[in-house]
Amino acid sequence: MSNHIYKKIELVGSSPNSIEEAVQNAVAKASKTVHNMRWFEVVETRGQIENDKVAHWQVTLKIGFTLDPS
């Protein structure tokens, strides 16, 4: 079994529709430049209120990925 070394980055995804979509948006954007993503954890959830209704979601997440072997 090989040793794995992980790195974490923190991102904020957003969506006018849902928390889940905010997470998906962050992961999709990260996947364009970050390789070997393995997991994520949601560390904060926020929302914007307009006219007494939820207007937008923001989700802070940490994404873990493995480093390329040397």
PDB file of N, CA and C in Angstrom:
ATOM      1  N   MET A   1       0.849  -1.179   0.000  1.00  0.00           N
ATOM      2  CA  MET A   1       0.000   0.000   0.000  1.00  0.00           C
ATOM      3  C   MET A   1       0.890   1.235   0.000  1.00  0.00           C
ATOM      4  N   SER A   2       0.637   2.148  -0.894  1.00  0.00           N
ATOM      5  CA  SER A   2       1.459   3.349  -0.959  1.00  0.00           C
ATOM      6  C   SER A   2       0.982   4.405   0.024  1.00  0.00           C
ATOM      7  N   ASN A   3       1.911   5.261   0.397  1.00  0.00           N
ATOM      8  CA  ASN A   3       1.578   6.374   1.286  1.00  0.00           C
ATOM      9  C   ASN A   3       0.932   7.488   0.482  1.00  0.00           C
ATOM     10  N   HIS A   4      -0.081   8.089   1.035  1.00  0.00           N
ATOM     11  CA  HIS A   4      -0.746   9.205   0.378  1.00  0.00           C
ATOM     12  C   HIS A   4      -0.498  10.469   1.186  1.00  0.00           C
ATOM     13  N   ILE A   5      -0.163  11.513   0.487  1.00  0.00           N
ATOM     14  CA  ILE A   5      -0.028  12.833   1.083  1.00  0.00           C
ATOM     15  C   ILE A   5      -1.146  13.686   0.501  1.00  0.00           C
ATOM     16  N   TYR A   6      -1.875  14.359   1.380  1.00  0.00           N
ATOM     17  CA  TYR A   6      -3.014  15.158   0.959  1.00  0.00           C
ATOM     18  C   TYR A   6      -2.740  16.637   1.178  1.00  0.00           C
ATOM     19  N   LYS A   7      -3.363  17.443   0.360  1.00  0.00           N
ATOM     20  CA  LYS A   7      -3.348  18.889   0.525  1.00  0.00           C
ATOM     21  C   LYS A   7      -4.801  19.334   0.560  1.00  0.00           C
ATOM     22  N   LYS A   8      -5.089  20.389   1.337  1.00  0.00           N
ATOM     23  CA  LYS A   8      -6.454  20.920   1.407  1.00  0.00           C
ATOM     24  C   LYS A   8      -6.451  22.365   0.914  1.00  0.00           C
ATOM     25  N   ILE A   9      -7.507  22.699   0.194  1.00  0.00           N
ATOM     26  CA  ILE A   9      -7.741  24.090  -0.192  1.00  0.00           C
ATOM     27  C   ILE A   9      -9.127  24.482   0.295  1.00  0.00           C
ATOM     28  N   GLU A  10      -9.336  25.764   0.482  1.00  0.00           N
ATOM     29  CA  GLU A  10     -10.636  26.255   0.936  1.00  0.00           C
ATOM     30  C   GLU A  10     -11.253  27.094  -0.169  1.00  0.00           C
ATOM     31  N   LEU A  11     -12.509  26.824  -0.472  1.00  0.00           N
ATOM     32  CA  LEU A  11     -13.244  27.510  -1.534  1.00  0.00           C
ATOM     33  C   LEU A  11     -14.604  27.943  -1.010  1.00  0.00           C
ATOM     34  N   VAL A  12     -15.189  28.907  -1.684  1.00  0.00           N
ATOM     35  CA  VAL A  12     -16.571  29.305  -1.402  1.00  0.00           C
ATOM     36  C   VAL A  12     -17.361  29.152  -2.695  1.00  0.00           C
ATOM     37  N   GLY A  13     -18.350  28.258  -2.660  1.00  0.00           N
ATOM     38  CA  GLY A  13     -19.254  28.081  -3.788  1.00  0.00           C
ATOM     39  C   GLY A  13     -20.534  28.848  -3.519  1.00  0.00           C
ATOM     40  N   SER A  14     -21.198  29.273  -4.588  1.00  0.00           N
ATOM     41  CA  SER A  14     -22.443  30.014  -4.405  1.00  0.00           C
ATOM     42  C   SER A  14     -23.499  29.546  -5.403  1.00  0.00           C
ATOM     43  N   SER A  15     -24.754  29.793  -5.037  1.00  0.00           N
ATOM     44  CA  SER A  15     -25.884  29.413  -5.883  1.00  0.00           C
ATOM     45  C   SER A  15     -27.129  30.159  -5.424  1.00  0.00           C
ATOM     46  N   PRO A  16     -27.960  30.567  -6.354  1.00  0.00           N
ATOM     47  CA  PRO A  16     -29.245  31.151  -5.966  1.00  0.00           C
ATOM     48  C   PRO A  16     -30.286  30.080  -5.631  1.00  0.00           C
ATOM     49  N   ASN A  17     -29.952  28.800  -5.880  1.00  0.00           N
ATOM     50  CA  ASN A  17     -30.948  27.738  -5.756  1.00  0.00           C
ATOM     51  C   ASN A  17     -30.849  26.880  -4.503  1.00  0.00           C
ATOM     52  N   SER A  18     -29.631  26.433  -4.137  1.00  0.00           N
ATOM     53  CA  SER A  18     -29.527  25.499  -3.016  1.00  0.00           C
ATOM     54  C   SER A  18     -28.100  25.393  -2.509  1.00  0.00           C
ATOM     55  N   ILE A  19     -27.990  24.842  -1.303  1.00  0.00           N
ATOM     56  CA  ILE A  19     -26.679  24.546  -0.720  1.00  0.00           C
ATOM     57  C   ILE A  19     -25.965  23.499  -1.578  1.00  0.00           C
ATOM     58  N   GLU A  20     -26.682  22.463  -1.966  1.00  0.00           N
ATOM     59  CA  GLU A  20     -26.085  21.400  -2.766  1.00  0.00           C
ATOM     60  C   GLU A  20     -25.525  21.935  -4.076  1.00  0.00           C
ATOM     61  N   GLU A  21     -26.244  22.828  -4.719  1.00  0.00           N
ATOM     62  CA  GLU A  21     -25.760  23.402  -5.973  1.00  0.00           C
ATOM     63  C   GLU A  21     -24.535  24.279  -5.734  1.00  0.00           C
ATOM     64  N   ALA A  22     -24.489  24.966  -4.619  1.00  0.00           N
ATOM     65  CA  ALA A  22     -23.314  25.781  -4.283  1.00  0.00           C
ATOM     66  C   ALA A  22     -22.079  24.887  -4.143  1.00  0.00           C
ATOM     67  N   VAL A  23     -22.240  23.729  -3.501  1.00  0.00           N
ATOM     68  CA  VAL A  23     -21.138  22.773  -3.369  1.00  0.00           C
ATOM     69  C   VAL A  23     -20.735  22.254  -4.745  1.00  0.00           C
ATOM     70  N   GLN A  24     -21.712  21.853  -5.536  1.00  0.00           N
ATOM     71  CA  GLN A  24     -21.428  21.336  -6.884  1.00  0.00           C
ATOM     72  C   GLN A  24     -20.688  22.374  -7.731  1.00  0.00           C
ATOM     73  N   ASN A  25     -21.092  23.638  -7.626  1.00  0.00           N
ATOM     74  CA  ASN A  25     -20.440  24.696  -8.396  1.00  0.00           C
ATOM     75  C   ASN A  25     -18.972  24.845  -8.001  1.00  0.00           C
ATOM     76  N   ALA A  26     -18.693  24.791  -6.709  1.00  0.00           N
ATOM     77  CA  ALA A  26     -17.309  24.907  -6.235  1.00  0.00           C
ATOM     78  C   ALA A  26     -16.470  23.718  -6.709  1.00  0.00           C
ATOM     79  N   VAL A  27     -16.999  22.512  -6.584  1.00  0.00           N
ATOM     80  CA  VAL A  27     -16.262  21.317  -6.998  1.00  0.00           C
ATOM     81  C   VAL A  27     -16.032  21.321  -8.511  1.00  0.00           C
ATOM     82  N   ALA A  28     -17.043  21.697  -9.275  1.00  0.00           N
ATOM     83  CA  ALA A  28     -16.905  21.732 -10.739  1.00  0.00           C
ATOM     84  C   ALA A  28     -15.839  22.733 -11.173  1.00  0.00           C
ATOM     85  N   LYS A  29     -15.830  23.892 -10.560  1.00  0.00           N
ATOM     86  CA  LYS A  29     -14.833  24.911 -10.909  1.00  0.00           C
ATOM     87  C   LYS A  29     -13.435  24.448 -10.517  1.00  0.00           C
ATOM     88  N   ALA A  30     -13.291  23.883  -9.314  1.00  0.00           N
ATOM     89  CA  ALA A  30     -11.989  23.407  -8.852  1.00  0.00           C
ATOM     90  C   ALA A  30     -11.448  22.293  -9.749  1.00  0.00           C
ATOM     91  N   SER A  31     -12.342  21.448 -10.250  1.00  0.00           N
ATOM     92  CA  SER A  31     -11.907  20.304 -11.054  1.00  0.00           C
ATOM     93  C   SER A  31     -11.211  20.717 -12.348  1.00  0.00           C
ATOM     94  N   LYS A  32     -11.364  21.963 -12.747  1.00  0.00           N
ATOM     95  CA  LYS A  32     -10.703  22.439 -13.972  1.00  0.00           C
ATOM     96  C   LYS A  32      -9.205  22.635 -13.771  1.00  0.00           C
ATOM     97  N   THR A  33      -8.770  22.837 -12.529  1.00  0.00           N
ATOM     98  CA  THR A  33      -7.346  23.063 -12.286  1.00  0.00           C
ATOM     99  C   THR A  33      -6.764  22.175 -11.182  1.00  0.00           C
ATOM    100  N   VAL A  34      -7.596  21.582 -10.347  1.00  0.00           N
ATOM    101  CA  VAL A  34      -7.113  20.737  -9.258  1.00  0.00           C
ATOM    102  C   VAL A  34      -7.377  19.281  -9.634  1.00  0.00           C
ATOM    103  N   HIS A  35      -6.327  18.458  -9.540  1.00  0.00           N
ATOM    104  CA  HIS A  35      -6.457  17.049  -9.908  1.00  0.00           C
ATOM    105  C   HIS A  35      -6.412  16.178  -8.661  1.00  0.00           C
ATOM    106  N   ASN A  36      -6.870  14.970  -8.787  1.00  0.00           N
ATOM    107  CA  ASN A  36      -6.839  13.967  -7.716  1.00  0.00           C
ATOM    108  C   ASN A  36      -7.672  14.368  -6.493  1.00  0.00           C
ATOM    109  N   MET A  37      -8.778  15.094  -6.711  1.00  0.00           N
ATOM    110  CA  MET A  37      -9.651  15.458  -5.588  1.00  0.00           C
ATOM    111  C   MET A  37     -10.247  14.184  -5.002  1.00  0.00           C
ATOM    112  N   ARG A  38     -10.278  14.114  -3.668  1.00  0.00           N
ATOM    113  CA  ARG A  38     -10.757  12.905  -2.994  1.00  0.00           C
ATOM    114  C   ARG A  38     -11.955  13.146  -2.094  1.00  0.00           C
ATOM    115  N   TRP A  39     -12.053  14.293  -1.446  1.00  0.00           N
ATOM    116  CA  TRP A  39     -13.139  14.522  -0.490  1.00  0.00           C
ATOM    117  C   TRP A  39     -13.348  16.017  -0.298  1.00  0.00           C
ATOM    118  N   PHE A  40     -14.471  16.343   0.324  1.00  0.00           N
ATOM    119  CA  PHE A  40     -14.731  17.730   0.716  1.00  0.00           C
ATOM    120  C   PHE A  40     -15.423  17.735   2.064  1.00  0.00           C
ATOM    121  N   GLU A  41     -15.305  18.848   2.756  1.00  0.00           N
ATOM    122  CA  GLU A  41     -16.062  19.043   3.996  1.00  0.00           C
ATOM    123  C   GLU A  41     -16.629  20.455   3.979  1.00  0.00           C
ATOM    124  N   VAL A  42     -17.875  20.579   4.350  1.00  0.00           N
ATOM    125  CA  VAL A  42     -18.518  21.882   4.446  1.00  0.00           C
ATOM    126  C   VAL A  42     -18.176  22.459   5.811  1.00  0.00           C
ATOM    127  N   VAL A  43     -17.598  23.661   5.824  1.00  0.00           N
ATOM    128  CA  VAL A  43     -17.188  24.265   7.088  1.00  0.00           C
ATOM    129  C   VAL A  43     -18.040  25.474   7.477  1.00  0.00           C
ATOM    130  N   GLU A  44     -18.787  26.008   6.532  1.00  0.00           N
ATOM    131  CA  GLU A  44     -19.640  27.160   6.839  1.00  0.00           C
ATOM    132  C   GLU A  44     -20.716  27.289   5.769  1.00  0.00           C
ATOM    133  N   THR A  45     -21.885  27.687   6.190  1.00  0.00           N
ATOM    134  CA  THR A  45     -22.993  27.938   5.266  1.00  0.00           C
ATOM    135  C   THR A  45     -23.588  29.299   5.583  1.00  0.00           C
ATOM    136  N   ARG A  46     -23.744  30.104   4.553  1.00  0.00           N
ATOM    137  CA  ARG A  46     -24.336  31.435   4.705  1.00  0.00           C
ATOM    138  C   ARG A  46     -25.398  31.636   3.630  1.00  0.00           C
ATOM    139  N   GLY A  47     -26.242  32.614   3.862  1.00  0.00           N
ATOM    140  CA  GLY A  47     -27.230  32.959   2.862  1.00  0.00           C
ATOM    141  C   GLY A  47     -27.518  34.446   2.861  1.00  0.00           C
ATOM    142  N   GLN A  48     -27.988  34.910   1.738  1.00  0.00           N
ATOM    143  CA  GLN A  48     -28.383  36.313   1.591  1.00  0.00           C
ATOM    144  C   GLN A  48     -29.912  36.376   1.572  1.00  0.00           C
ATOM    145  N   ILE A  49     -30.443  37.356   2.273  1.00  0.00           N
ATOM    146  CA  ILE A  49     -31.893  37.515   2.351  1.00  0.00           C
ATOM    147  C   ILE A  49     -32.288  38.789   1.606  1.00  0.00           C
ATOM    148  N   GLU A  50     -33.293  38.662   0.750  1.00  0.00           N
ATOM    149  CA  GLU A  50     -33.867  39.814   0.054  1.00  0.00           C
ATOM    150  C   GLU A  50     -35.383  39.694   0.123  1.00  0.00           C
ATOM    151  N   ASN A  51     -36.030  40.772   0.485  1.00  0.00           N
ATOM    152  CA  ASN A  51     -37.493  40.788   0.580  1.00  0.00           C
ATOM    153  C   ASN A  51     -38.033  39.636   1.439  1.00  0.00           C
ATOM    154  N   ASP A  52     -37.378  39.423   2.573  1.00  0.00           N
ATOM    155  CA  ASP A  52     -37.790  38.392   3.532  1.00  0.00           C
ATOM    156  C   ASP A  52     -37.721  36.963   2.996  1.00  0.00           C
ATOM    157  N   LYS A  53     -36.905  36.734   1.953  1.00  0.00           N
ATOM    158  CA  LYS A  53     -36.740  35.389   1.391  1.00  0.00           C
ATOM    159  C   LYS A  53     -35.260  35.117   1.160  1.00  0.00           C
ATOM    160  N   VAL A  54     -34.912  33.842   1.178  1.00  0.00           N
ATOM    161  CA  VAL A  54     -33.535  33.459   0.859  1.00  0.00           C
ATOM    162  C   VAL A  54     -33.298  33.734  -0.619  1.00  0.00           C
ATOM    163  N   ALA A  55     -32.279  34.561  -0.887  1.00  0.00           N
ATOM    164  CA  ALA A  55     -31.986  34.941  -2.265  1.00  0.00           C
ATOM    165  C   ALA A  55     -30.762  34.229  -2.834  1.00  0.00           C
ATOM    166  N   HIS A  56     -29.825  33.849  -1.955  1.00  0.00           N
ATOM    167  CA  HIS A  56     -28.580  33.264  -2.449  1.00  0.00           C
ATOM    168  C   HIS A  56     -27.915  32.466  -1.337  1.00  0.00           C
ATOM    169  N   TRP A  57     -27.255  31.376  -1.706  1.00  0.00           N
ATOM    170  CA  TRP A  57     -26.519  30.525  -0.771  1.00  0.00           C
ATOM    171  C   TRP A  57     -25.031  30.651  -1.023  1.00  0.00           C
ATOM    172  N   GLN A  58     -24.237  30.653   0.056  1.00  0.00           N
ATOM    173  CA  GLN A  58     -22.783  30.567  -0.030  1.00  0.00           C
ATOM    174  C   GLN A  58     -22.334  29.457   0.915  1.00  0.00           C
ATOM    175  N   VAL A  59     -21.473  28.582   0.415  1.00  0.00           N
ATOM    176  CA  VAL A  59     -20.991  27.458   1.204  1.00  0.00           C
ATOM    177  C   VAL A  59     -19.464  27.449   1.153  1.00  0.00           C
ATOM    178  N   THR A  60     -18.845  27.516   2.319  1.00  0.00           N
ATOM    179  CA  THR A  60     -17.389  27.401   2.396  1.00  0.00           C
ATOM    180  C   THR A  60     -17.056  25.937   2.575  1.00  0.00           C
ATOM    181  N   LEU A  61     -16.174  25.421   1.725  1.00  0.00           N
ATOM    182  CA  LEU A  61     -15.788  24.030   1.839  1.00  0.00           C
ATOM    183  C   LEU A  61     -14.297  23.862   1.676  1.00  0.00           C
ATOM    184  N   LYS A  62     -13.794  22.811   2.281  1.00  0.00           N
ATOM    185  CA  LYS A  62     -12.404  22.413   2.112  1.00  0.00           C
ATOM    186  C   LYS A  62     -12.407  21.185   1.221  1.00  0.00           C
ATOM    187  N   ILE A  63     -11.528  21.199   0.233  1.00  0.00           N
ATOM    188  CA  ILE A  63     -11.400  20.072  -0.690  1.00  0.00           C
ATOM    189  C   ILE A  63     -10.029  19.457  -0.463  1.00  0.00           C
ATOM    190  N   GLY A  64     -10.008  18.141  -0.269  1.00  0.00           N
ATOM    191  CA  GLY A  64      -8.755  17.415  -0.097  1.00  0.00           C
ATOM    192  C   GLY A  64      -8.396  16.691  -1.386  1.00  0.00           C
ATOM    193  N   PHE A  65      -7.116  16.738  -1.725  1.00  0.00           N
ATOM    194  CA  PHE A  65      -6.657  16.032  -2.919  1.00  0.00           C
ATOM    195  C   PHE A  65      -5.267  15.467  -2.665  1.00  0.00           C
ATOM    196  N   THR A  66      -4.938  14.417  -3.407  1.00  0.00           N
ATOM    197  CA  THR A  66      -3.625  13.807  -3.265  1.00  0.00           C
ATOM    198  C   THR A  66      -2.635  14.526  -4.167  1.00  0.00           C
ATOM    199  N   LEU A  67      -1.403  14.626  -3.675  1.00  0.00           N
ATOM    200  CA  LEU A  67      -0.339  15.226  -4.469  1.00  0.00           C
ATOM    201  C   LEU A  67       0.191  14.203  -5.457  1.00  0.00           C
ATOM    202  N   ASP A  68       0.647  14.692  -6.602  1.00  0.00           N
ATOM    203  CA  ASP A  68       1.244  13.794  -7.594  1.00  0.00           C
ATOM    204  C   ASP A  68       2.517  13.185  -7.017  1.00  0.00           C
ATOM    205  N   PRO A  69       2.769  11.903  -7.312  1.00  0.00           N
ATOM    206  CA  PRO A  69       4.006  11.301  -6.817  1.00  0.00           C
ATOM    207  C   PRO A  69       5.216  11.957  -7.511  1.00  0.00           C
ATOM    208  N   SER A  70       6.347  11.972  -6.802  1.00  0.00           N
ATOM    209  CA  SER A  70       7.538  12.597  -7.398  1.00  0.00           C
ATOM    210  C   SER A  70       8.212  11.688  -8.368  1.00  0.00           C
TER     211      SER A  70
END
